mmCIF file of all heavy atoms, coordinates in Angstrom:
data_MODEL
# 
_entry.id   MODEL 
# 
loop_
_atom_site.group_PDB 
_atom_site.id 
_atom_site.type_symbol 
_atom_site.label_atom_id 
_atom_site.label_alt_id 
_atom_site.label_comp_id 
_atom_site.label_asym_id 
_atom_site.label_entity_id 
_atom_site.label_seq_id 
_atom_site.pdbx_PDB_ins_code 
_atom_site.Cartn_x 
_atom_site.Cartn_y 
_atom_site.Cartn_z 
_atom_site.occupancy 
_atom_site.B_iso_or_equiv 
_atom_site.pdbx_formal_charge 
_atom_site.auth_seq_id 
_atom_site.auth_comp_id 
_atom_site.auth_asym_id 
_atom_site.auth_atom_id 
_atom_site.pdbx_PDB_model_num 
ATOM 1   N N   . ASN A 1 1  ? -2.490 18.818  -10.646 1.00 0.00 ? 1  ASN A N   1 
ATOM 2   C CA  . ASN A 1 1  ? -2.579 19.651  -9.388  1.00 0.00 ? 1  ASN A CA  1 
ATOM 3   C C   . ASN A 1 1  ? -3.102 18.846  -8.174  1.00 0.00 ? 1  ASN A C   1 
ATOM 4   O O   . ASN A 1 1  ? -3.485 19.368  -7.229  1.00 0.00 ? 1  ASN A O   1 
ATOM 5   C CB  . ASN A 1 1  ? -3.561 20.826  -9.646  1.00 0.00 ? 1  ASN A CB  1 
ATOM 6   C CG  . ASN A 1 1  ? -4.990 20.424  -9.941  1.00 0.00 ? 1  ASN A CG  1 
ATOM 7   O OD1 . ASN A 1 1  ? -5.241 19.216  -10.209 1.00 0.00 ? 1  ASN A OD1 1 
ATOM 8   N ND2 . ASN A 1 1  ? -5.882 21.384  -9.950  1.00 0.00 ? 1  ASN A ND2 1 
ATOM 9   N N   . THR A 1 2  ? -3.006 17.531  -8.276  1.00 0.00 ? 2  THR A N   1 
ATOM 10  C CA  . THR A 1 2  ? -3.504 16.723  -7.129  1.00 0.00 ? 2  THR A CA  1 
ATOM 11  C C   . THR A 1 2  ? -2.267 15.883  -6.603  1.00 0.00 ? 2  THR A C   1 
ATOM 12  O O   . THR A 1 2  ? -1.480 15.387  -7.347  1.00 0.00 ? 2  THR A O   1 
ATOM 13  C CB  . THR A 1 2  ? -4.505 15.652  -7.656  1.00 0.00 ? 2  THR A CB  1 
ATOM 14  O OG1 . THR A 1 2  ? -5.579 16.433  -8.299  1.00 0.00 ? 2  THR A OG1 1 
ATOM 15  C CG2 . THR A 1 2  ? -5.083 14.791  -6.589  1.00 0.00 ? 2  THR A CG2 1 
ATOM 16  N N   . ILE A 1 3  ? -2.260 15.915  -5.299  1.00 0.00 ? 3  ILE A N   1 
ATOM 17  C CA  . ILE A 1 3  ? -1.178 15.088  -4.565  1.00 0.00 ? 3  ILE A CA  1 
ATOM 18  C C   . ILE A 1 3  ? -1.974 14.239  -3.486  1.00 0.00 ? 3  ILE A C   1 
ATOM 19  O O   . ILE A 1 3  ? -2.741 14.812  -2.701  1.00 0.00 ? 3  ILE A O   1 
ATOM 20  C CB  . ILE A 1 3  ? -0.198 15.907  -3.846  1.00 0.00 ? 3  ILE A CB  1 
ATOM 21  C CG1 . ILE A 1 3  ? 0.616  16.769  -4.866  1.00 0.00 ? 3  ILE A CG1 1 
ATOM 22  C CG2 . ILE A 1 3  ? 0.785  15.086  -3.018  1.00 0.00 ? 3  ILE A CG2 1 
ATOM 23  C CD1 . ILE A 1 3  ? 1.561  17.735  -4.252  1.00 0.00 ? 3  ILE A CD1 1 
ATOM 24  N N   . ILE A 1 4  ? -1.765 12.926  -3.590  1.00 0.00 ? 4  ILE A N   1 
ATOM 25  C CA  . ILE A 1 4  ? -2.379 11.984  -2.593  1.00 0.00 ? 4  ILE A CA  1 
ATOM 26  C C   . ILE A 1 4  ? -1.220 11.367  -1.884  1.00 0.00 ? 4  ILE A C   1 
ATOM 27  O O   . ILE A 1 4  ? -0.306 10.821  -2.490  1.00 0.00 ? 4  ILE A O   1 
ATOM 28  C CB  . ILE A 1 4  ? -3.192 10.927  -3.350  1.00 0.00 ? 4  ILE A CB  1 
ATOM 29  C CG1 . ILE A 1 4  ? -4.295 11.582  -4.156  1.00 0.00 ? 4  ILE A CG1 1 
ATOM 30  C CG2 . ILE A 1 4  ? -3.753 9.885   -2.332  1.00 0.00 ? 4  ILE A CG2 1 
ATOM 31  C CD1 . ILE A 1 4  ? -5.010 10.569  -5.094  1.00 0.00 ? 4  ILE A CD1 1 
ATOM 32  N N   . THR A 1 5  ? -1.268 11.405  -0.521  1.00 0.00 ? 5  THR A N   1 
ATOM 33  C CA  . THR A 1 5  ? -0.291 10.787  0.327   1.00 0.00 ? 5  THR A CA  1 
ATOM 34  C C   . THR A 1 5  ? -1.071 9.814   1.229   1.00 0.00 ? 5  THR A C   1 
ATOM 35  O O   . THR A 1 5  ? -2.004 10.124  1.911   1.00 0.00 ? 5  THR A O   1 
ATOM 36  C CB  . THR A 1 5  ? 0.489  11.824  1.101   1.00 0.00 ? 5  THR A CB  1 
ATOM 37  O OG1 . THR A 1 5  ? 1.133  12.746  0.205   1.00 0.00 ? 5  THR A OG1 1 
ATOM 38  C CG2 . THR A 1 5  ? 1.531  11.139  1.977   1.00 0.00 ? 5  THR A CG2 1 
ATOM 39  N N   . GLU A 1 6  ? -0.536 8.617   1.301   1.00 0.00 ? 6  GLU A N   1 
ATOM 40  C CA  . GLU A 1 6  ? -1.124 7.525   2.103   1.00 0.00 ? 6  GLU A CA  1 
ATOM 41  C C   . GLU A 1 6  ? 0.001  6.835   2.884   1.00 0.00 ? 6  GLU A C   1 
ATOM 42  O O   . GLU A 1 6  ? 1.022  6.547   2.328   1.00 0.00 ? 6  GLU A O   1 
ATOM 43  C CB  . GLU A 1 6  ? -1.816 6.559   1.171   1.00 0.00 ? 6  GLU A CB  1 
ATOM 44  C CG  . GLU A 1 6  ? -2.519 5.397   1.917   1.00 0.00 ? 6  GLU A CG  1 
ATOM 45  C CD  . GLU A 1 6  ? -3.718 5.861   2.697   1.00 0.00 ? 6  GLU A CD  1 
ATOM 46  O OE1 . GLU A 1 6  ? -4.396 6.851   2.264   1.00 0.00 ? 6  GLU A OE1 1 
ATOM 47  O OE2 . GLU A 1 6  ? -4.091 5.316   3.766   1.00 0.00 ? 6  GLU A OE2 1 
ATOM 48  N N   . ASP A 1 7  ? -0.188 6.800   4.193   1.00 0.00 ? 7  ASP A N   1 
ATOM 49  C CA  . ASP A 1 7  ? 0.706  6.054   5.033   1.00 0.00 ? 7  ASP A CA  1 
ATOM 50  C C   . ASP A 1 7  ? 0.221  4.667   5.132   1.00 0.00 ? 7  ASP A C   1 
ATOM 51  O O   . ASP A 1 7  ? -0.888 4.322   5.439   1.00 0.00 ? 7  ASP A O   1 
ATOM 52  C CB  . ASP A 1 7  ? 0.795  6.657   6.476   1.00 0.00 ? 7  ASP A CB  1 
ATOM 53  C CG  . ASP A 1 7  ? 1.496  8.060   6.453   1.00 0.00 ? 7  ASP A CG  1 
ATOM 54  O OD1 . ASP A 1 7  ? 2.314  8.281   5.564   1.00 0.00 ? 7  ASP A OD1 1 
ATOM 55  O OD2 . ASP A 1 7  ? 1.231  8.809   7.396   1.00 0.00 ? 7  ASP A OD2 1 
ATOM 56  N N   . LEU A 1 8  ? 1.158  3.705   4.829   1.00 0.00 ? 8  LEU A N   1 
ATOM 57  C CA  . LEU A 1 8  ? 0.843  2.312   4.943   1.00 0.00 ? 8  LEU A CA  1 
ATOM 58  C C   . LEU A 1 8  ? 1.560  1.672   6.137   1.00 0.00 ? 8  LEU A C   1 
ATOM 59  O O   . LEU A 1 8  ? 2.730  1.639   6.223   1.00 0.00 ? 8  LEU A O   1 
ATOM 60  C CB  . LEU A 1 8  ? 1.316  1.579   3.662   1.00 0.00 ? 8  LEU A CB  1 
ATOM 61  C CG  . LEU A 1 8  ? 0.746  2.072   2.311   1.00 0.00 ? 8  LEU A CG  1 
ATOM 62  C CD1 . LEU A 1 8  ? 1.503  1.401   1.129   1.00 0.00 ? 8  LEU A CD1 1 
ATOM 63  C CD2 . LEU A 1 8  ? -0.673 1.885   2.222   1.00 0.00 ? 8  LEU A CD2 1 
ATOM 64  N N   . ALA A 1 9  ? 0.745  1.216   7.125   1.00 0.00 ? 9  ALA A N   1 
ATOM 65  C CA  . ALA A 1 9  ? 1.318  0.578   8.285   1.00 0.00 ? 9  ALA A CA  1 
ATOM 66  C C   . ALA A 1 9  ? 1.801  -0.806  7.872   1.00 0.00 ? 9  ALA A C   1 
ATOM 67  O O   . ALA A 1 9  ? 1.006  -1.566  7.360   1.00 0.00 ? 9  ALA A O   1 
ATOM 68  C CB  . ALA A 1 9  ? 0.338  0.486   9.365   1.00 0.00 ? 9  ALA A CB  1 
ATOM 69  N N   . THR A 1 10 ? 3.115  -1.016  8.006   1.00 0.00 ? 10 THR A N   1 
ATOM 70  C CA  . THR A 1 10 ? 3.628  -2.294  7.526   1.00 0.00 ? 10 THR A CA  1 
ATOM 71  C C   . THR A 1 10 ? 3.518  -3.414  8.486   1.00 0.00 ? 10 THR A C   1 
ATOM 72  O O   . THR A 1 10 ? 3.705  -4.540  8.131   1.00 0.00 ? 10 THR A O   1 
ATOM 73  C CB  . THR A 1 10 ? 5.123  -2.082  7.097   1.00 0.00 ? 10 THR A CB  1 
ATOM 74  O OG1 . THR A 1 10 ? 5.855  -1.650  8.226   1.00 0.00 ? 10 THR A OG1 1 
ATOM 75  C CG2 . THR A 1 10 ? 5.263  -1.075  6.015   1.00 0.00 ? 10 THR A CG2 1 
ATOM 76  N N   . GLY A 1 11 ? 3.101  -3.104  9.681   1.00 0.00 ? 11 GLY A N   1 
ATOM 77  C CA  . GLY A 1 11 ? 2.904  -4.217  10.660  1.00 0.00 ? 11 GLY A CA  1 
ATOM 78  C C   . GLY A 1 11 ? 4.283  -4.705  11.190  1.00 0.00 ? 11 GLY A C   1 
ATOM 79  O O   . GLY A 1 11 ? 5.265  -4.288  10.956  1.00 0.00 ? 11 GLY A O   1 
ATOM 80  N N   . LYS A 1 12 ? 4.170  -5.848  11.873  1.00 0.00 ? 12 LYS A N   1 
ATOM 81  C CA  . LYS A 1 12 ? 5.281  -6.517  12.442  1.00 0.00 ? 12 LYS A CA  1 
ATOM 82  C C   . LYS A 1 12 ? 6.239  -6.961  11.344  1.00 0.00 ? 12 LYS A C   1 
ATOM 83  O O   . LYS A 1 12 ? 5.786  -7.464  10.359  1.00 0.00 ? 12 LYS A O   1 
ATOM 84  C CB  . LYS A 1 12 ? 4.842  -7.721  13.282  1.00 0.00 ? 12 LYS A CB  1 
ATOM 85  C CG  . LYS A 1 12 ? 4.084  -7.309  14.573  1.00 0.00 ? 12 LYS A CG  1 
ATOM 86  C CD  . LYS A 1 12 ? 3.680  -8.468  15.369  1.00 0.00 ? 12 LYS A CD  1 
ATOM 87  C CE  . LYS A 1 12 ? 2.940  -8.037  16.612  1.00 0.00 ? 12 LYS A CE  1 
ATOM 88  N NZ  . LYS A 1 12 ? 2.455  -9.199  17.375  1.00 0.00 ? 12 LYS A NZ  1 
ATOM 89  N N   . GLY A 1 13 ? 7.488  -6.811  11.592  1.00 0.00 ? 13 GLY A N   1 
ATOM 90  C CA  . GLY A 1 13 ? 8.461  -7.311  10.528  1.00 0.00 ? 13 GLY A CA  1 
ATOM 91  C C   . GLY A 1 13 ? 8.743  -6.356  9.379   1.00 0.00 ? 13 GLY A C   1 
ATOM 92  O O   . GLY A 1 13 ? 9.503  -6.556  8.531   1.00 0.00 ? 13 GLY A O   1 
ATOM 93  N N   . GLY A 1 14 ? 8.061  -5.149  9.449   1.00 0.00 ? 14 GLY A N   1 
ATOM 94  C CA  . GLY A 1 14 ? 8.236  -4.163  8.382   1.00 0.00 ? 14 GLY A CA  1 
ATOM 95  C C   . GLY A 1 14 ? 7.928  -4.594  6.992   1.00 0.00 ? 14 GLY A C   1 
ATOM 96  O O   . GLY A 1 14 ? 8.667  -4.151  6.072   1.00 0.00 ? 14 GLY A O   1 
ATOM 97  N N   . THR A 1 15 ? 6.837  -5.310  6.827   1.00 0.00 ? 15 THR A N   1 
ATOM 98  C CA  . THR A 1 15 ? 6.453  -5.654  5.423   1.00 0.00 ? 15 THR A CA  1 
ATOM 99  C C   . THR A 1 15 ? 5.082  -5.143  5.148   1.00 0.00 ? 15 THR A C   1 
ATOM 100 O O   . THR A 1 15 ? 4.165  -5.067  6.108   1.00 0.00 ? 15 THR A O   1 
ATOM 101 C CB  . THR A 1 15 ? 6.442  -7.151  5.184   1.00 0.00 ? 15 THR A CB  1 
ATOM 102 O OG1 . THR A 1 15 ? 5.548  -7.769  6.116   1.00 0.00 ? 15 THR A OG1 1 
ATOM 103 C CG2 . THR A 1 15 ? 7.789  -7.723  5.418   1.00 0.00 ? 15 THR A CG2 1 
ATOM 104 N N   . ILE A 1 16 ? 4.828  -4.734  3.870   1.00 0.00 ? 16 ILE A N   1 
ATOM 105 C CA  . ILE A 1 16 ? 3.464  -4.272  3.482   1.00 0.00 ? 16 ILE A CA  1 
ATOM 106 C C   . ILE A 1 16 ? 2.654  -5.504  3.213   1.00 0.00 ? 16 ILE A C   1 
ATOM 107 O O   . ILE A 1 16 ? 3.144  -6.407  2.476   1.00 0.00 ? 16 ILE A O   1 
ATOM 108 C CB  . ILE A 1 16 ? 3.541  -3.381  2.253   1.00 0.00 ? 16 ILE A CB  1 
ATOM 109 C CG1 . ILE A 1 16 ? 4.379  -2.088  2.588   1.00 0.00 ? 16 ILE A CG1 1 
ATOM 110 C CG2 . ILE A 1 16 ? 2.231  -2.986  1.690   1.00 0.00 ? 16 ILE A CG2 1 
ATOM 111 C CD1 . ILE A 1 16 ? 4.741  -1.231  1.402   1.00 0.00 ? 16 ILE A CD1 1 
ATOM 112 N N   . PRO A 1 17 ? 1.518  -5.602  3.726   1.00 0.00 ? 17 PRO A N   1 
ATOM 113 C CA  . PRO A 1 17 ? 0.677  -6.834  3.515   1.00 0.00 ? 17 PRO A CA  1 
ATOM 114 C C   . PRO A 1 17 ? 0.495  -7.102  2.047   1.00 0.00 ? 17 PRO A C   1 
ATOM 115 O O   . PRO A 1 17 ? 0.229  -6.277  1.234   1.00 0.00 ? 17 PRO A O   1 
ATOM 116 C CB  . PRO A 1 17 ? -0.656 -6.514  4.259   1.00 0.00 ? 17 PRO A CB  1 
ATOM 117 C CG  . PRO A 1 17 ? -0.393 -5.369  5.176   1.00 0.00 ? 17 PRO A CG  1 
ATOM 118 C CD  . PRO A 1 17 ? 0.785  -4.595  4.513   1.00 0.00 ? 17 PRO A CD  1 
ATOM 119 N N   . ARG A 1 18 ? 0.486  -8.433  1.694   1.00 0.00 ? 18 ARG A N   1 
ATOM 120 C CA  . ARG A 1 18 ? 0.279  -8.894  0.345   1.00 0.00 ? 18 ARG A CA  1 
ATOM 121 C C   . ARG A 1 18 ? -1.054 -8.331  -0.231  1.00 0.00 ? 18 ARG A C   1 
ATOM 122 O O   . ARG A 1 18 ? -1.122 -7.941  -1.331  1.00 0.00 ? 18 ARG A O   1 
ATOM 123 C CB  . ARG A 1 18 ? 0.257  -10.401 0.260   1.00 0.00 ? 18 ARG A CB  1 
ATOM 124 C CG  . ARG A 1 18 ? 0.136  -10.984 -1.075  1.00 0.00 ? 18 ARG A CG  1 
ATOM 125 C CD  . ARG A 1 18 ? 0.121  -12.480 -1.115  1.00 0.00 ? 18 ARG A CD  1 
ATOM 126 N NE  . ARG A 1 18 ? -0.152 -12.909 -2.440  1.00 0.00 ? 18 ARG A NE  1 
ATOM 127 C CZ  . ARG A 1 18 ? 0.581  -13.728 -3.125  1.00 0.00 ? 18 ARG A CZ  1 
ATOM 128 N NH1 . ARG A 1 18 ? 1.737  -14.187 -2.589  1.00 0.00 ? 18 ARG A NH1 1 
ATOM 129 N NH2 . ARG A 1 18 ? 0.271  -14.075 -4.346  1.00 0.00 ? 18 ARG A NH2 1 
ATOM 130 N N   . SER A 1 19 ? -2.049 -8.260  0.628   1.00 0.00 ? 19 SER A N   1 
ATOM 131 C CA  . SER A 1 19 ? -3.375 -7.785  0.187   1.00 0.00 ? 19 SER A CA  1 
ATOM 132 C C   . SER A 1 19 ? -3.330 -6.392  -0.376  1.00 0.00 ? 19 SER A C   1 
ATOM 133 O O   . SER A 1 19 ? -3.968 -6.006  -1.283  1.00 0.00 ? 19 SER A O   1 
ATOM 134 C CB  . SER A 1 19 ? -4.461 -7.983  1.238   1.00 0.00 ? 19 SER A CB  1 
ATOM 135 O OG  . SER A 1 19 ? -4.147 -7.189  2.348   1.00 0.00 ? 19 SER A OG  1 
ATOM 136 N N   . THR A 1 20 ? -2.454 -5.551  0.334   1.00 0.00 ? 20 THR A N   1 
ATOM 137 C CA  . THR A 1 20 ? -2.353 -4.114  -0.071  1.00 0.00 ? 20 THR A CA  1 
ATOM 138 C C   . THR A 1 20 ? -1.644 -4.050  -1.462  1.00 0.00 ? 20 THR A C   1 
ATOM 139 O O   . THR A 1 20 ? -2.003 -3.345  -2.338  1.00 0.00 ? 20 THR A O   1 
ATOM 140 C CB  . THR A 1 20 ? -1.589 -3.332  0.965   1.00 0.00 ? 20 THR A CB  1 
ATOM 141 O OG1 . THR A 1 20 ? -2.267 -3.412  2.178   1.00 0.00 ? 20 THR A OG1 1 
ATOM 142 C CG2 . THR A 1 20 ? -1.314 -1.940  0.535   1.00 0.00 ? 20 THR A CG2 1 
ATOM 143 N N   . ILE A 1 21 ? -0.609 -4.867  -1.638  1.00 0.00 ? 21 ILE A N   1 
ATOM 144 C CA  . ILE A 1 21 ? 0.130  -4.928  -2.858  1.00 0.00 ? 21 ILE A CA  1 
ATOM 145 C C   . ILE A 1 21 ? -0.798 -5.411  -3.973  1.00 0.00 ? 21 ILE A C   1 
ATOM 146 O O   . ILE A 1 21 ? -0.773 -4.838  -5.114  1.00 0.00 ? 21 ILE A O   1 
ATOM 147 C CB  . ILE A 1 21 ? 1.351  -5.851  -2.806  1.00 0.00 ? 21 ILE A CB  1 
ATOM 148 C CG1 . ILE A 1 21 ? 2.326  -5.224  -1.762  1.00 0.00 ? 21 ILE A CG1 1 
ATOM 149 C CG2 . ILE A 1 21 ? 2.019  -6.074  -4.075  1.00 0.00 ? 21 ILE A CG2 1 
ATOM 150 C CD1 . ILE A 1 21 ? 3.498  -6.152  -1.409  1.00 0.00 ? 21 ILE A CD1 1 
ATOM 151 N N   . GLU A 1 22 ? -1.612 -6.415  -3.685  1.00 0.00 ? 22 GLU A N   1 
ATOM 152 C CA  . GLU A 1 22 ? -2.560 -6.957  -4.709  1.00 0.00 ? 22 GLU A CA  1 
ATOM 153 C C   . GLU A 1 22 ? -3.588 -5.883  -5.138  1.00 0.00 ? 22 GLU A C   1 
ATOM 154 O O   . GLU A 1 22 ? -3.995 -5.855  -6.316  1.00 0.00 ? 22 GLU A O   1 
ATOM 155 C CB  . GLU A 1 22 ? -3.258 -8.187  -4.184  1.00 0.00 ? 22 GLU A CB  1 
ATOM 156 C CG  . GLU A 1 22 ? -2.345 -9.380  -4.143  1.00 0.00 ? 22 GLU A CG  1 
ATOM 157 C CD  . GLU A 1 22 ? -3.009 -10.636 -3.423  1.00 0.00 ? 22 GLU A CD  1 
ATOM 158 O OE1 . GLU A 1 22 ? -4.081 -10.512 -2.889  1.00 0.00 ? 22 GLU A OE1 1 
ATOM 159 O OE2 . GLU A 1 22 ? -2.316 -11.669 -3.386  1.00 0.00 ? 22 GLU A OE2 1 
ATOM 160 N N   . GLN A 1 23 ? -3.983 -5.031  -4.258  1.00 0.00 ? 23 GLN A N   1 
ATOM 161 C CA  . GLN A 1 23 ? -4.949 -3.996  -4.573  1.00 0.00 ? 23 GLN A CA  1 
ATOM 162 C C   . GLN A 1 23 ? -4.263 -3.041  -5.564  1.00 0.00 ? 23 GLN A C   1 
ATOM 163 O O   . GLN A 1 23 ? -4.967 -2.609  -6.487  1.00 0.00 ? 23 GLN A O   1 
ATOM 164 C CB  . GLN A 1 23 ? -5.399 -3.207  -3.265  1.00 0.00 ? 23 GLN A CB  1 
ATOM 165 C CG  . GLN A 1 23 ? -6.388 -4.055  -2.478  1.00 0.00 ? 23 GLN A CG  1 
ATOM 166 C CD  . GLN A 1 23 ? -6.746 -3.429  -1.213  1.00 0.00 ? 23 GLN A CD  1 
ATOM 167 O OE1 . GLN A 1 23 ? -6.195 -2.379  -0.771  1.00 0.00 ? 23 GLN A OE1 1 
ATOM 168 N NE2 . GLN A 1 23 ? -7.745 -3.978  -0.458  1.00 0.00 ? 23 GLN A NE2 1 
ATOM 169 N N   . PHE A 1 24 ? -3.034 -2.628  -5.341  1.00 0.00 ? 24 PHE A N   1 
ATOM 170 C CA  . PHE A 1 24 ? -2.356 -1.677  -6.260  1.00 0.00 ? 24 PHE A CA  1 
ATOM 171 C C   . PHE A 1 24 ? -2.135 -2.387  -7.678  1.00 0.00 ? 24 PHE A C   1 
ATOM 172 O O   . PHE A 1 24 ? -2.293 -1.735  -8.624  1.00 0.00 ? 24 PHE A O   1 
ATOM 173 C CB  . PHE A 1 24 ? -0.954 -1.317  -5.749  1.00 0.00 ? 24 PHE A CB  1 
ATOM 174 C CG  . PHE A 1 24 ? -1.137 -0.320  -4.656  1.00 0.00 ? 24 PHE A CG  1 
ATOM 175 C CD1 . PHE A 1 24 ? -0.863 -0.562  -3.339  1.00 0.00 ? 24 PHE A CD1 1 
ATOM 176 C CD2 . PHE A 1 24 ? -1.548 1.055   -4.928  1.00 0.00 ? 24 PHE A CD2 1 
ATOM 177 C CE1 . PHE A 1 24 ? -1.012 0.404   -2.356  1.00 0.00 ? 24 PHE A CE1 1 
ATOM 178 C CE2 . PHE A 1 24 ? -1.648 2.033   -4.013  1.00 0.00 ? 24 PHE A CE2 1 
ATOM 179 C CZ  . PHE A 1 24 ? -1.455 1.698   -2.640  1.00 0.00 ? 24 PHE A CZ  1 
ATOM 180 N N   . ILE A 1 25 ? -1.865 -3.730  -7.667  1.00 0.00 ? 25 ILE A N   1 
ATOM 181 C CA  . ILE A 1 25 ? -1.745 -4.439  -8.891  1.00 0.00 ? 25 ILE A CA  1 
ATOM 182 C C   . ILE A 1 25 ? -3.021 -4.462  -9.641  1.00 0.00 ? 25 ILE A C   1 
ATOM 183 O O   . ILE A 1 25 ? -3.147 -4.275  -10.854 1.00 0.00 ? 25 ILE A O   1 
ATOM 184 C CB  . ILE A 1 25 ? -1.190 -5.906  -8.606  1.00 0.00 ? 25 ILE A CB  1 
ATOM 185 C CG1 . ILE A 1 25 ? 0.214  -5.778  -8.170  1.00 0.00 ? 25 ILE A CG1 1 
ATOM 186 C CG2 . ILE A 1 25 ? -1.330 -6.759  -9.908  1.00 0.00 ? 25 ILE A CG2 1 
ATOM 187 C CD1 . ILE A 1 25 ? 0.821  -7.106  -7.675  1.00 0.00 ? 25 ILE A CD1 1 
ATOM 188 N N   . THR A 1 26 ? -4.099 -4.662  -8.871  1.00 0.00 ? 26 THR A N   1 
ATOM 189 C CA  . THR A 1 26 ? -5.471 -4.655  -9.465  1.00 0.00 ? 26 THR A CA  1 
ATOM 190 C C   . THR A 1 26 ? -5.805 -3.323  -10.208 1.00 0.00 ? 26 THR A C   1 
ATOM 191 O O   . THR A 1 26 ? -6.366 -3.254  -11.287 1.00 0.00 ? 26 THR A O   1 
ATOM 192 C CB  . THR A 1 26 ? -6.508 -4.990  -8.382  1.00 0.00 ? 26 THR A CB  1 
ATOM 193 O OG1 . THR A 1 26 ? -6.278 -6.361  -7.912  1.00 0.00 ? 26 THR A OG1 1 
ATOM 194 C CG2 . THR A 1 26 ? -7.969 -5.007  -9.014  1.00 0.00 ? 26 THR A CG2 1 
ATOM 195 N N   . VAL A 1 27 ? -5.477 -2.289  -9.510  1.00 0.00 ? 27 VAL A N   1 
ATOM 196 C CA  . VAL A 1 27 ? -5.740 -0.938  -10.113 1.00 0.00 ? 27 VAL A CA  1 
ATOM 197 C C   . VAL A 1 27 ? -4.847 -0.758  -11.392 1.00 0.00 ? 27 VAL A C   1 
ATOM 198 O O   . VAL A 1 27 ? -5.465 -0.356  -12.408 1.00 0.00 ? 27 VAL A O   1 
ATOM 199 C CB  . VAL A 1 27 ? -5.367 0.170   -9.158  1.00 0.00 ? 27 VAL A CB  1 
ATOM 200 C CG1 . VAL A 1 27 ? -5.327 1.516   -9.817  1.00 0.00 ? 27 VAL A CG1 1 
ATOM 201 C CG2 . VAL A 1 27 ? -6.336 0.226   -7.936  1.00 0.00 ? 27 VAL A CG2 1 
ATOM 202 N N   . ALA A 1 28 ? -3.586 -1.185  -11.346 1.00 0.00 ? 28 ALA A N   1 
ATOM 203 C CA  . ALA A 1 28 ? -2.776 -1.056  -12.568 1.00 0.00 ? 28 ALA A CA  1 
ATOM 204 C C   . ALA A 1 28 ? -3.349 -1.954  -13.635 1.00 0.00 ? 28 ALA A C   1 
ATOM 205 O O   . ALA A 1 28 ? -3.349 -1.566  -14.832 1.00 0.00 ? 28 ALA A O   1 
ATOM 206 C CB  . ALA A 1 28 ? -1.419 -1.441  -12.227 1.00 0.00 ? 28 ALA A CB  1 
# 
């Protein structure tokens, strides 16, 4: 019954920062 929505600002060039990706990998 929980929905979490997060907007990730990709910055210049339309890429998600490596540090953000690494945080998701760390959680997994």
